[in-house]
Amino acid sequence: MTGSDPGENCRSLIDHVNPKRTKFTIEMMGWSIPDGPDSYLKLIHAVDRKEFGVHMDACNGVNCPTRLYQNADFIRECFEKLGPTVTSKNSDPTKTILHQIVIFLTQQY
């Protein structure tokens, strides 16, 4: 395992453990892979193991103003694209997202 390829790391772990009654998942985060449904689909394809599933926490994927203010569309997109592979989920209240996003503006002179 090199540590730089998430797909390779997941495959290696799954192959080493050889789970029988559970799935290995990675939680979506806005600043790492997977950061949304499209990158999660790429990761699922890269891992290519039936023992790999999706832990859905769509609120963690809110990493920009578009996803923040159109969060219902984003959550819908997540479940439309990833629904069949979701093995676990949690849902943080959307209002807490407003407290998690910090925007820094600086002016250069």
N, C-alpha and C. Protein backbone atom coordinates (compact mmCIF):
# COMPACT_ATOMS: atom_id res chain seq x y z
N MET A 1 0.84 -1.17 0.00
CA MET A 1 0.00 0.00 0.00
C MET A 1 0.89 1.24 0.00
N THR A 2 0.68 2.12 -0.98
CA THR A 2 1.53 3.30 -1.10
C THR A 2 1.04 4.47 -0.28
N GLY A 3 -0.23 4.53 0.01
CA GLY A 3 -0.79 5.64 0.77
C GLY A 3 -1.27 6.79 -0.09
N SER A 4 -0.92 6.82 -1.37
CA SER A 4 -1.31 7.95 -2.20
C SER A 4 -2.52 7.67 -3.08
N ASP A 5 -2.92 6.43 -3.23
CA ASP A 5 -4.05 6.07 -4.09
C ASP A 5 -5.19 5.52 -3.23
N PRO A 6 -6.25 6.31 -3.04
CA PRO A 6 -7.35 5.85 -2.19
C PRO A 6 -7.96 4.52 -2.66
N GLY A 7 -8.11 4.35 -3.98
CA GLY A 7 -8.67 3.11 -4.50
C GLY A 7 -7.80 1.91 -4.17
N GLU A 8 -6.50 2.06 -4.35
CA GLU A 8 -5.55 0.98 -4.03
C GLU A 8 -5.56 0.68 -2.53
N ASN A 9 -5.61 1.73 -1.71
CA ASN A 9 -5.63 1.55 -0.26
C ASN A 9 -6.88 0.79 0.18
N CYS A 10 -8.02 1.14 -0.36
CA CYS A 10 -9.27 0.46 0.00
C CYS A 10 -9.24 -1.00 -0.46
N ARG A 11 -8.81 -1.23 -1.68
CA ARG A 11 -8.71 -2.61 -2.19
C ARG A 11 -7.80 -3.45 -1.31
N SER A 12 -6.64 -2.90 -0.99
CA SER A 12 -5.68 -3.62 -0.17
C SER A 12 -6.26 -3.99 1.19
N LEU A 13 -6.93 -3.04 1.82
CA LEU A 13 -7.53 -3.29 3.13
C LEU A 13 -8.63 -4.35 3.03
N ILE A 14 -9.49 -4.21 2.05
CA ILE A 14 -10.58 -5.18 1.87
C ILE A 14 -10.00 -6.57 1.59
N ASP A 15 -9.00 -6.66 0.72
CA ASP A 15 -8.41 -7.96 0.39
C ASP A 15 -7.71 -8.59 1.59
N HIS A 16 -7.09 -7.76 2.42
CA HIS A 16 -6.40 -8.28 3.60
C HIS A 16 -7.38 -8.77 4.67
N VAL A 17 -8.43 -8.01 4.90
CA VAL A 17 -9.41 -8.35 5.95
C VAL A 17 -10.38 -9.43 5.46
N ASN A 18 -10.74 -9.36 4.19
CA ASN A 18 -11.69 -10.32 3.59
C ASN A 18 -13.01 -10.38 4.37
N PRO A 19 -13.70 -9.25 4.47
CA PRO A 19 -14.94 -9.21 5.26
C PRO A 19 -16.02 -10.12 4.67
N LYS A 20 -16.79 -10.74 5.56
CA LYS A 20 -17.86 -11.65 5.14
C LYS A 20 -19.26 -11.06 5.36
N ARG A 21 -19.43 -10.28 6.44
CA ARG A 21 -20.77 -9.79 6.77
C ARG A 21 -20.81 -8.27 6.94
N THR A 22 -19.85 -7.60 6.40
CA THR A 22 -19.82 -6.15 6.54
C THR A 22 -19.20 -5.53 5.29
N LYS A 23 -19.26 -4.22 5.21
CA LYS A 23 -18.65 -3.51 4.09
C LYS A 23 -17.72 -2.44 4.63
N PHE A 24 -16.71 -2.14 3.86
CA PHE A 24 -15.79 -1.07 4.18
C PHE A 24 -16.30 0.20 3.50
N THR A 25 -16.35 1.30 4.24
CA THR A 25 -16.83 2.56 3.68
C THR A 25 -15.87 3.69 4.02
N ILE A 26 -15.95 4.74 3.25
CA ILE A 26 -15.21 5.98 3.53
C ILE A 26 -16.25 7.09 3.56
N GLU A 27 -16.15 7.94 4.56
CA GLU A 27 -17.12 9.02 4.69
C GLU A 27 -16.76 10.18 3.77
N MET A 28 -17.75 10.71 3.11
CA MET A 28 -17.58 11.87 2.24
C MET A 28 -17.18 13.08 3.07
N MET A 29 -16.17 13.79 2.61
CA MET A 29 -15.74 15.03 3.25
C MET A 29 -15.47 16.06 2.16
N GLY A 30 -15.78 17.29 2.42
CA GLY A 30 -15.64 18.33 1.41
C GLY A 30 -14.22 18.68 1.04
N TRP A 31 -13.25 18.22 1.81
CA TRP A 31 -11.86 18.59 1.55
C TRP A 31 -10.97 17.37 1.27
N SER A 32 -11.57 16.20 1.10
CA SER A 32 -10.79 15.00 0.77
C SER A 32 -11.61 14.13 -0.17
N ILE A 33 -11.02 13.06 -0.62
CA ILE A 33 -11.71 12.15 -1.53
C ILE A 33 -12.37 11.05 -0.72
N PRO A 34 -13.65 10.82 -0.94
CA PRO A 34 -14.56 11.45 -1.89
C PRO A 34 -15.16 12.74 -1.31
N ASP A 35 -15.35 13.73 -2.18
CA ASP A 35 -15.89 15.02 -1.75
C ASP A 35 -17.28 15.29 -2.33
N GLY A 36 -17.83 14.34 -3.03
CA GLY A 36 -19.16 14.47 -3.62
C GLY A 36 -19.53 13.19 -4.35
N PRO A 37 -20.71 13.14 -4.91
CA PRO A 37 -21.17 11.90 -5.54
C PRO A 37 -20.34 11.46 -6.74
N ASP A 38 -19.85 12.42 -7.54
CA ASP A 38 -19.07 12.03 -8.71
C ASP A 38 -17.72 11.43 -8.33
N SER A 39 -17.05 12.03 -7.36
CA SER A 39 -15.76 11.46 -6.93
C SER A 39 -15.99 10.14 -6.19
N TYR A 40 -17.13 10.01 -5.52
CA TYR A 40 -17.44 8.73 -4.85
C TYR A 40 -17.65 7.64 -5.90
N LEU A 41 -18.34 7.97 -6.99
CA LEU A 41 -18.52 6.99 -8.07
C LEU A 41 -17.17 6.56 -8.66
N LYS A 42 -16.27 7.51 -8.84
CA LYS A 42 -14.93 7.18 -9.35
C LYS A 42 -14.20 6.26 -8.37
N LEU A 43 -14.35 6.54 -7.07
CA LEU A 43 -13.70 5.71 -6.07
C LEU A 43 -14.29 4.30 -6.05
N ILE A 44 -15.61 4.20 -6.14
CA ILE A 44 -16.26 2.88 -6.19
C ILE A 44 -15.74 2.08 -7.37
N HIS A 45 -15.63 2.74 -8.51
CA HIS A 45 -15.11 2.07 -9.71
C HIS A 45 -13.64 1.66 -9.52
N ALA A 46 -12.84 2.53 -8.90
CA ALA A 46 -11.43 2.23 -8.67
C ALA A 46 -11.23 1.09 -7.68
N VAL A 47 -12.05 1.06 -6.63
CA VAL A 47 -11.93 -0.01 -5.62
C VAL A 47 -12.35 -1.35 -6.22
N ASP A 48 -13.47 -1.35 -6.92
CA ASP A 48 -13.93 -2.54 -7.64
C ASP A 48 -14.03 -3.78 -6.74
N ARG A 49 -14.67 -3.61 -5.58
CA ARG A 49 -14.89 -4.71 -4.65
C ARG A 49 -16.33 -4.63 -4.15
N LYS A 50 -17.03 -5.76 -4.12
CA LYS A 50 -18.42 -5.76 -3.64
C LYS A 50 -18.48 -5.45 -2.15
N GLU A 51 -17.36 -5.60 -1.46
CA GLU A 51 -17.31 -5.32 -0.02
C GLU A 51 -17.09 -3.83 0.28
N PHE A 52 -17.06 -2.99 -0.75
CA PHE A 52 -16.91 -1.56 -0.57
C PHE A 52 -18.27 -0.90 -0.72
N GLY A 53 -18.64 -0.08 0.24
CA GLY A 53 -19.93 0.60 0.18
C GLY A 53 -19.79 2.08 0.49
N VAL A 54 -20.90 2.76 0.49
CA VAL A 54 -20.93 4.21 0.72
C VAL A 54 -21.49 4.49 2.10
N HIS A 55 -20.76 5.28 2.87
CA HIS A 55 -21.32 5.88 4.08
C HIS A 55 -21.76 7.27 3.68
N MET A 56 -23.06 7.49 3.68
CA MET A 56 -23.61 8.74 3.19
C MET A 56 -23.77 9.76 4.31
N ASP A 57 -23.05 10.82 4.20
CA ASP A 57 -23.24 12.00 5.03
C ASP A 57 -23.12 13.20 4.09
N ALA A 58 -24.21 13.47 3.39
CA ALA A 58 -24.20 14.50 2.35
C ALA A 58 -23.82 15.87 2.90
N CYS A 59 -24.14 16.15 4.16
CA CYS A 59 -23.79 17.45 4.73
C CYS A 59 -22.28 17.66 4.72
N ASN A 60 -21.51 16.58 4.84
CA ASN A 60 -20.05 16.71 4.80
C ASN A 60 -19.54 17.11 3.42
N GLY A 61 -20.34 16.91 2.40
CA GLY A 61 -19.94 17.28 1.05
C GLY A 61 -20.22 18.73 0.71
N VAL A 62 -20.85 19.45 1.62
CA VAL A 62 -21.16 20.87 1.37
C VAL A 62 -19.89 21.67 1.60
N ASN A 63 -19.25 22.02 0.49
CA ASN A 63 -17.95 22.69 0.57
C ASN A 63 -17.86 23.96 -0.27
N CYS A 64 -19.01 24.47 -0.69
CA CYS A 64 -19.01 25.70 -1.48
C CYS A 64 -20.41 26.34 -1.37
N PRO A 65 -20.52 27.61 -1.73
CA PRO A 65 -21.82 28.28 -1.62
C PRO A 65 -22.94 27.61 -2.43
N THR A 66 -22.61 27.09 -3.60
CA THR A 66 -23.66 26.45 -4.42
C THR A 66 -24.25 25.27 -3.68
N ARG A 67 -23.41 24.41 -3.13
CA ARG A 67 -23.91 23.25 -2.39
C ARG A 67 -24.62 23.67 -1.10
N LEU A 68 -24.17 24.75 -0.51
CA LEU A 68 -24.81 25.23 0.72
C LEU A 68 -26.23 25.69 0.45
N TYR A 69 -26.40 26.59 -0.53
CA TYR A 69 -27.71 27.19 -0.76
C TYR A 69 -28.62 26.34 -1.64
N GLN A 70 -28.07 25.32 -2.27
CA GLN A 70 -28.88 24.36 -3.04
C GLN A 70 -28.68 22.97 -2.45
N ASN A 71 -28.67 22.90 -1.12
CA ASN A 71 -28.35 21.64 -0.45
C ASN A 71 -29.36 20.54 -0.73
N ALA A 72 -30.63 20.87 -0.93
CA ALA A 72 -31.62 19.83 -1.24
C ALA A 72 -31.29 19.17 -2.58
N ASP A 73 -30.89 19.98 -3.56
CA ASP A 73 -30.50 19.42 -4.85
C ASP A 73 -29.26 18.53 -4.72
N PHE A 74 -28.30 18.98 -3.90
CA PHE A 74 -27.08 18.20 -3.70
C PHE A 74 -27.38 16.86 -3.02
N ILE A 75 -28.21 16.88 -1.99
CA ILE A 75 -28.56 15.65 -1.29
C ILE A 75 -29.31 14.70 -2.22
N ARG A 76 -30.22 15.25 -3.01
CA ARG A 76 -30.95 14.44 -4.00
C ARG A 76 -29.98 13.81 -5.00
N GLU A 77 -29.03 14.60 -5.49
CA GLU A 77 -28.03 14.09 -6.43
C GLU A 77 -27.22 12.95 -5.80
N CYS A 78 -26.84 13.12 -4.55
CA CYS A 78 -26.08 12.08 -3.86
C CYS A 78 -26.84 10.75 -3.84
N PHE A 79 -28.11 10.80 -3.47
CA PHE A 79 -28.88 9.56 -3.38
C PHE A 79 -29.24 9.00 -4.75
N GLU A 80 -29.45 9.89 -5.74
CA GLU A 80 -29.72 9.39 -7.09
C GLU A 80 -28.52 8.63 -7.64
N LYS A 81 -27.33 9.15 -7.43
CA LYS A 81 -26.13 8.54 -7.99
C LYS A 81 -25.58 7.41 -7.15
N LEU A 82 -25.71 7.51 -5.83
CA LEU A 82 -25.06 6.55 -4.93
C LEU A 82 -26.02 5.62 -4.21
N GLY A 83 -27.32 5.87 -4.35
CA GLY A 83 -28.33 5.13 -3.59
C GLY A 83 -28.13 3.63 -3.49
N PRO A 84 -27.93 2.92 -4.59
CA PRO A 84 -27.79 1.46 -4.51
C PRO A 84 -26.56 0.99 -3.72
N THR A 85 -25.58 1.86 -3.55
CA THR A 85 -24.36 1.45 -2.86
C THR A 85 -24.27 1.97 -1.42
N VAL A 86 -25.30 2.71 -0.97
CA VAL A 86 -25.30 3.24 0.40
C VAL A 86 -25.51 2.10 1.38
N THR A 87 -24.56 1.96 2.31
CA THR A 87 -24.68 0.92 3.33
C THR A 87 -24.92 1.51 4.71
N SER A 88 -24.60 2.78 4.89
CA SER A 88 -24.86 3.46 6.16
C SER A 88 -24.98 4.95 5.88
N LYS A 89 -25.63 5.65 6.81
CA LYS A 89 -25.80 7.08 6.62
C LYS A 89 -26.04 7.75 7.95
N ASN A 90 -25.75 9.01 7.98
CA ASN A 90 -26.20 9.86 9.07
C ASN A 90 -26.51 11.22 8.47
N SER A 91 -27.34 11.96 9.14
CA SER A 91 -27.74 13.25 8.57
C SER A 91 -27.61 14.31 9.64
N ASP A 92 -26.61 15.14 9.47
CA ASP A 92 -26.43 16.28 10.36
C ASP A 92 -27.48 17.32 9.98
N PRO A 93 -27.98 18.05 10.95
CA PRO A 93 -28.93 19.10 10.60
C PRO A 93 -28.29 20.11 9.65
N THR A 94 -29.00 20.46 8.59
CA THR A 94 -28.45 21.36 7.59
C THR A 94 -28.10 22.72 8.20
N LYS A 95 -28.83 23.15 9.21
CA LYS A 95 -28.54 24.48 9.76
C LYS A 95 -27.15 24.55 10.37
N THR A 96 -26.58 23.41 10.79
CA THR A 96 -25.22 23.46 11.34
C THR A 96 -24.20 23.73 10.26
N ILE A 97 -24.54 23.49 9.02
CA ILE A 97 -23.62 23.76 7.92
C ILE A 97 -23.25 25.24 7.89
N LEU A 98 -24.21 26.10 8.18
CA LEU A 98 -23.96 27.53 8.15
C LEU A 98 -22.86 27.92 9.12
N HIS A 99 -22.69 27.17 10.19
CA HIS A 99 -21.68 27.47 11.18
C HIS A 99 -20.33 26.84 10.83
N GLN A 100 -20.31 25.93 9.87
CA GLN A 100 -19.08 25.23 9.53
C GLN A 100 -18.33 25.89 8.38
N ILE A 101 -19.00 26.68 7.60
CA ILE A 101 -18.35 27.30 6.44
C ILE A 101 -17.81 28.66 6.84
N VAL A 102 -16.54 28.84 6.64
CA VAL A 102 -15.88 30.10 6.96
C VAL A 102 -15.27 30.63 5.67
N ILE A 103 -15.54 31.87 5.37
CA ILE A 103 -14.98 32.49 4.18
C ILE A 103 -14.01 33.57 4.61
N PHE A 104 -12.79 33.50 4.08
CA PHE A 104 -11.77 34.49 4.37
C PHE A 104 -11.59 35.38 3.16
N LEU A 105 -11.72 36.67 3.35
CA LEU A 105 -11.51 37.63 2.28
C LEU A 105 -10.31 38.50 2.68
N THR A 106 -9.38 38.60 1.77
CA THR A 106 -8.23 39.48 2.02
C THR A 106 -8.10 40.42 0.84
N GLN A 107 -7.58 41.57 1.14
CA GLN A 107 -7.37 42.55 0.08
C GLN A 107 -5.87 42.73 -0.07
N GLN A 108 -5.41 42.63 -1.30
CA GLN A 108 -3.99 42.80 -1.61
C GLN A 108 -3.74 44.24 -2.02
N TYR A 109 -2.71 44.85 -1.48
CA TYR A 109 -2.34 46.21 -1.85
C TYR A 109 -1.05 46.21 -2.62
